[in-house]
N, C-alpha and C. Protein backbone atom coordinates (compact mmCIF):
# COMPACT_ATOMS: atom_id res chain seq x y z
N MET A 1 -134.30 161.58 -125.71
CA MET A 1 -133.41 161.36 -125.04
C MET A 1 -131.81 162.10 -125.14
N SER A 2 -131.31 163.00 -123.55
CA SER A 2 -130.09 163.73 -123.86
C SER A 2 -128.66 162.71 -123.94
N ALA A 3 -127.89 164.02 -123.82
CA ALA A 3 -126.30 162.57 -123.87
C ALA A 3 -126.04 162.80 -122.29
N VAL A 4 -124.86 161.86 -121.95
CA VAL A 4 -124.28 162.36 -120.68
C VAL A 4 -123.84 163.24 -120.47
N PRO A 5 -123.91 164.14 -119.42
CA PRO A 5 -123.08 165.46 -119.18
C PRO A 5 -121.23 164.80 -119.52
N ASP A 6 -120.83 166.24 -119.50
CA ASP A 6 -119.08 165.80 -119.61
C ASP A 6 -118.71 165.76 -118.60
N GLN A 7 -118.82 166.27 -117.22
CA GLN A 7 -118.50 166.69 -116.37
C GLN A 7 -118.79 164.70 -115.61
N THR A 8 -119.75 164.22 -115.77
CA THR A 8 -120.04 163.00 -114.99
C THR A 8 -119.54 162.01 -115.89
N ALA A 9 -119.42 161.34 -117.19
CA ALA A 9 -118.58 160.78 -117.64
C ALA A 9 -117.15 161.09 -117.71
N ASP A 10 -116.77 161.91 -117.31
CA ASP A 10 -115.52 161.84 -116.91
C ASP A 10 -115.28 161.77 -115.82
N ASP A 11 -115.86 161.85 -114.56
CA ASP A 11 -115.89 161.35 -113.27
C ASP A 11 -115.70 159.69 -113.16
N VAL A 12 -116.82 159.39 -113.64
CA VAL A 12 -117.11 157.71 -113.90
C VAL A 12 -115.72 157.54 -114.30
N ARG A 13 -115.06 158.02 -115.63
CA ARG A 13 -114.11 157.50 -116.03
C ARG A 13 -112.89 157.00 -115.18
N GLU A 14 -112.55 158.19 -114.40
CA GLU A 14 -111.63 158.43 -113.18
C GLU A 14 -111.59 157.60 -112.58
N ARG A 15 -112.69 157.84 -112.01
CA ARG A 15 -113.02 156.32 -110.93
C ARG A 15 -112.93 155.21 -111.32
N LEU A 16 -113.72 154.71 -112.44
CA LEU A 16 -113.44 153.31 -113.21
C LEU A 16 -111.41 153.03 -113.44
N GLU A 17 -110.89 153.72 -113.45
CA GLU A 17 -109.03 154.03 -114.03
C GLU A 17 -108.65 153.48 -112.98
N ARG A 18 -109.69 154.39 -111.34
CA ARG A 18 -108.78 154.35 -109.94
C ARG A 18 -109.15 152.53 -109.63
N ILE A 19 -110.13 152.62 -110.02
CA ILE A 19 -110.74 151.02 -109.58
C ILE A 19 -109.81 149.77 -110.49
N ARG A 20 -109.45 150.28 -111.46
CA ARG A 20 -108.83 149.31 -112.48
C ARG A 20 -106.85 149.57 -111.64
N ASP A 21 -106.42 150.54 -111.45
CA ASP A 21 -105.14 150.97 -110.66
C ASP A 21 -105.19 149.85 -110.00
N LEU A 22 -106.22 149.97 -108.97
CA LEU A 22 -106.30 149.42 -107.50
C LEU A 22 -106.15 147.96 -107.52
N ALA A 23 -107.12 147.31 -108.79
CA ALA A 23 -106.62 145.81 -108.73
C ALA A 23 -105.66 145.30 -109.17
N GLN A 24 -105.26 146.14 -109.85
CA GLN A 24 -103.94 146.00 -110.46
C GLN A 24 -102.72 145.90 -109.25
N HIS A 25 -102.64 146.86 -108.47
CA HIS A 25 -102.00 146.79 -106.82
C HIS A 25 -101.89 145.50 -106.05
N GLY A 26 -103.76 145.51 -106.46
CA GLY A 26 -103.77 144.13 -105.70
C GLY A 26 -103.55 142.56 -105.96
N LEU A 27 -103.21 142.43 -107.47
CA LEU A 27 -102.25 141.90 -108.53
C LEU A 27 -101.03 141.48 -108.15
N SER A 28 -100.12 142.88 -107.83
CA SER A 28 -99.04 142.57 -107.46
C SER A 28 -98.60 142.50 -106.19
N ALA A 29 -99.30 143.15 -105.20
CA ALA A 29 -99.20 142.64 -103.99
C ALA A 29 -99.48 141.18 -103.76
N ASP A 30 -100.67 140.29 -104.15
CA ASP A 30 -100.84 138.94 -104.30
C ASP A 30 -99.09 138.36 -104.66
N GLN A 31 -98.52 138.68 -105.62
CA GLN A 31 -97.70 138.30 -105.68
C GLN A 31 -96.10 138.29 -104.82
N LEU A 32 -96.21 139.60 -104.60
CA LEU A 32 -94.75 140.17 -103.68
C LEU A 32 -95.07 139.64 -101.99
N HIS A 33 -96.62 139.06 -101.78
CA HIS A 33 -96.35 139.05 -100.56
C HIS A 33 -96.50 137.61 -100.24
N MET A 34 -96.85 136.67 -101.44
CA MET A 34 -97.18 135.46 -100.88
C MET A 34 -96.71 134.62 -99.68
N ARG A 35 -95.46 134.86 -99.49
CA ARG A 35 -94.47 134.40 -98.43
C ARG A 35 -94.76 134.89 -96.97
N ASP A 36 -95.54 135.72 -97.12
CA ASP A 36 -95.77 136.80 -96.11
C ASP A 36 -97.58 136.85 -95.47
N ASP A 37 -97.69 135.79 -95.30
CA ASP A 37 -99.26 135.90 -94.85
C ASP A 37 -99.96 136.89 -94.18
N ARG A 38 -99.21 137.35 -93.25
CA ARG A 38 -99.89 138.75 -92.09
C ARG A 38 -99.83 140.32 -93.47
N GLU A 39 -98.77 140.03 -94.08
CA GLU A 39 -98.84 140.98 -95.14
C GLU A 39 -99.64 140.87 -96.20
N TRP A 40 -99.44 139.58 -96.76
CA TRP A 40 -100.77 139.27 -97.88
C TRP A 40 -101.89 139.63 -97.81
N TYR A 41 -102.55 139.32 -96.41
CA TYR A 41 -103.96 139.64 -96.03
C TYR A 41 -104.21 140.75 -95.68
N ARG A 42 -103.49 141.76 -95.25
CA ARG A 42 -103.05 143.06 -94.94
C ARG A 42 -103.02 144.23 -95.71
N SER A 43 -102.87 143.84 -96.64
CA SER A 43 -102.49 144.19 -98.31
C SER A 43 -103.72 143.98 -98.83
N LEU A 44 -104.05 142.78 -99.37
CA LEU A 44 -105.58 142.79 -99.75
C LEU A 44 -106.55 143.12 -99.47
N LEU A 45 -106.85 143.05 -98.03
CA LEU A 45 -107.99 143.87 -97.41
C LEU A 45 -107.88 144.97 -97.64
N ARG A 46 -106.69 146.12 -97.90
CA ARG A 46 -106.82 147.17 -97.62
C ARG A 46 -106.97 147.45 -99.25
N VAL A 47 -106.68 146.79 -100.06
CA VAL A 47 -107.33 147.14 -101.77
C VAL A 47 -108.63 146.74 -102.03
N PHE A 48 -108.92 145.90 -101.36
CA PHE A 48 -110.83 145.62 -101.37
C PHE A 48 -111.06 146.68 -100.85
N GLY A 49 -111.01 147.26 -99.70
CA GLY A 49 -111.62 148.34 -98.66
C GLY A 49 -111.69 149.37 -99.60
N ASP A 50 -110.43 149.89 -100.42
CA ASP A 50 -110.19 151.24 -101.17
C ASP A 50 -111.21 150.75 -102.35
N ILE A 51 -111.18 149.58 -102.63
CA ILE A 51 -112.03 149.70 -104.03
C ILE A 51 -113.56 149.77 -103.68
N ARG A 52 -113.37 149.33 -102.55
CA ARG A 52 -114.97 149.03 -102.06
C ARG A 52 -115.69 150.41 -101.67
N GLU A 53 -114.42 151.46 -101.38
CA GLU A 53 -114.86 152.83 -100.99
C GLU A 53 -115.04 153.59 -102.30
N GLU A 54 -114.57 152.98 -103.25
CA GLU A 54 -114.48 154.37 -104.48
C GLU A 54 -115.90 153.99 -105.34
N CYS A 55 -116.26 152.23 -105.26
CA CYS A 55 -117.43 151.83 -105.52
C CYS A 55 -118.85 152.31 -105.38
N VAL A 56 -118.93 152.43 -104.10
CA VAL A 56 -120.24 153.29 -103.34
C VAL A 56 -120.22 154.41 -103.63
N THR A 57 -119.45 155.23 -103.62
CA THR A 57 -119.23 156.44 -103.60
C THR A 57 -119.49 156.74 -105.06
N ALA A 58 -118.95 155.85 -106.16
CA ALA A 58 -119.06 156.47 -107.68
C ALA A 58 -120.91 156.06 -108.00
N GLY A 59 -121.31 154.74 -107.01
CA GLY A 59 -122.66 154.30 -107.18
C GLY A 59 -123.86 155.30 -106.31
N ARG A 60 -123.48 156.03 -105.22
CA ARG A 60 -124.13 156.98 -104.67
C ARG A 60 -124.37 157.95 -105.51
N LYS A 61 -123.21 158.56 -106.00
CA LYS A 61 -122.88 159.56 -107.03
C LYS A 61 -124.32 159.51 -107.83
N LEU A 62 -124.31 158.10 -109.05
CA LEU A 62 -124.50 158.50 -110.30
C LEU A 62 -126.06 158.34 -109.95
N ALA A 63 -126.00 157.08 -108.45
CA ALA A 63 -127.60 157.32 -108.43
C ALA A 63 -128.29 158.66 -107.91
N ASP A 64 -127.63 159.49 -107.54
CA ASP A 64 -128.22 160.54 -106.85
C ASP A 64 -128.60 161.73 -107.96
N GLU A 65 -127.54 161.22 -109.03
CA GLU A 65 -127.50 162.30 -109.99
C GLU A 65 -128.86 161.84 -111.05
N ALA A 66 -128.91 160.66 -110.99
CA ALA A 66 -129.88 159.95 -111.99
C ALA A 66 -131.34 160.33 -111.30
N ASP A 67 -131.19 160.33 -110.34
CA ASP A 67 -132.93 160.95 -109.35
C ASP A 67 -132.54 162.05 -109.68
N GLU A 68 -132.01 163.03 -109.04
CA GLU A 68 -132.31 164.06 -109.48
C GLU A 68 -132.39 165.00 -111.01
N GLY A 69 -131.94 164.58 -111.64
CA GLY A 69 -132.54 164.74 -113.08
C GLY A 69 -133.74 163.94 -113.84
N ARG A 70 -134.24 163.23 -112.79
CA ARG A 70 -135.39 161.86 -112.89
C ARG A 70 -134.52 161.70 -114.79
N ILE A 71 -133.93 160.70 -114.67
CA ILE A 71 -132.96 159.95 -115.82
C ILE A 71 -133.85 158.51 -115.85
N LEU A 72 -133.58 158.35 -114.53
CA LEU A 72 -134.33 157.21 -113.54
C LEU A 72 -135.82 157.19 -113.14
N SER A 73 -136.29 156.07 -112.92
CA SER A 73 -137.22 155.91 -111.97
C SER A 73 -136.38 155.38 -110.63
N PRO A 74 -136.98 156.21 -109.25
CA PRO A 74 -136.35 155.26 -107.93
C PRO A 74 -136.51 153.94 -108.19
N SER A 75 -137.36 153.34 -108.77
CA SER A 75 -137.38 151.59 -108.71
C SER A 75 -135.98 150.96 -109.77
N GLN A 76 -136.11 151.95 -111.06
CA GLN A 76 -134.86 151.39 -111.83
C GLN A 76 -133.63 151.92 -111.01
N ILE A 77 -133.16 152.70 -110.52
CA ILE A 77 -132.20 152.76 -110.02
C ILE A 77 -131.89 152.13 -108.71
N ALA A 78 -132.95 151.73 -107.73
CA ALA A 78 -132.52 150.42 -106.93
C ALA A 78 -132.30 149.24 -107.72
N GLU A 79 -133.02 149.10 -108.57
CA GLU A 79 -132.62 147.77 -108.96
C GLU A 79 -131.35 147.41 -109.82
N ALA A 80 -131.10 148.47 -110.40
CA ALA A 80 -129.88 148.57 -111.35
C ALA A 80 -128.87 149.07 -110.35
N GLY A 81 -128.65 149.79 -109.13
CA GLY A 81 -127.86 149.87 -108.17
C GLY A 81 -127.65 148.75 -107.38
N ARG A 82 -128.64 148.04 -107.07
CA ARG A 82 -128.76 146.58 -105.95
C ARG A 82 -129.05 147.55 -104.86
N ILE A 83 -129.65 148.99 -104.78
CA ILE A 83 -130.24 149.21 -103.29
C ILE A 83 -131.24 149.13 -103.06
N SER A 84 -131.83 149.20 -102.07
CA SER A 84 -133.40 149.21 -102.13
C SER A 84 -134.22 150.83 -102.45
N ARG A 85 -135.55 150.83 -102.54
CA ARG A 85 -135.65 152.07 -102.82
C ARG A 85 -136.10 153.00 -101.48
N ALA A 86 -136.02 152.36 -100.30
CA ALA A 86 -136.05 152.86 -98.65
C ALA A 86 -134.40 153.67 -98.92
N ALA A 87 -133.76 153.09 -99.15
CA ALA A 87 -132.60 154.15 -98.92
C ALA A 87 -132.37 155.07 -100.13
N LEU A 88 -132.92 154.69 -101.09
CA LEU A 88 -132.47 155.79 -102.26
C LEU A 88 -133.35 157.04 -101.55
N TYR A 89 -134.76 156.62 -101.22
CA TYR A 89 -135.56 157.72 -100.78
C TYR A 89 -134.88 158.54 -99.10
N LYS A 90 -134.25 157.59 -98.38
CA LYS A 90 -133.75 158.39 -97.07
C LYS A 90 -132.44 159.72 -97.87
N ARG A 91 -132.05 158.38 -98.73
CA ARG A 91 -130.69 160.10 -98.97
C ARG A 91 -130.91 160.79 -100.05
N ARG A 92 -132.42 160.78 -100.39
CA ARG A 92 -133.19 161.80 -101.01
C ARG A 92 -133.77 162.86 -100.11
N GLU A 93 -133.89 162.10 -98.52
CA GLU A 93 -134.22 163.43 -97.66
C GLU A 93 -133.37 163.70 -96.87
N GLY A 94 -131.98 163.30 -97.54
CA GLY A 94 -130.46 163.95 -97.08
C GLY A 94 -130.37 164.90 -97.10
N ARG A 95 -131.02 165.17 -99.02
CA ARG A 95 -130.14 166.53 -99.92
C ARG A 95 -131.29 167.42 -99.23
N GLU A 96 -132.52 166.95 -99.37
CA GLU A 96 -133.32 168.44 -99.39
C GLU A 96 -133.00 169.31 -97.96
């Protein structure tokens, strides 16, 4: 077994820190806008959208690296990433 490449580990760490910061922002927005329902919903929906986008991007990148480097099998990637094997193969075709 080999170690995780430094660049990959750094990228994942940065993404996790961004997700943490977004969650903190969401908690602040929750408190700040409790008396304004429209702004409360708008702010929190935006935060969850940003978190989702960050998570999807990070998950795809890790899955692609694990697939390209043959670190995990397609079944293992699909199970761990909660994606279908078909989606993984479709992305693989797009990279080729």
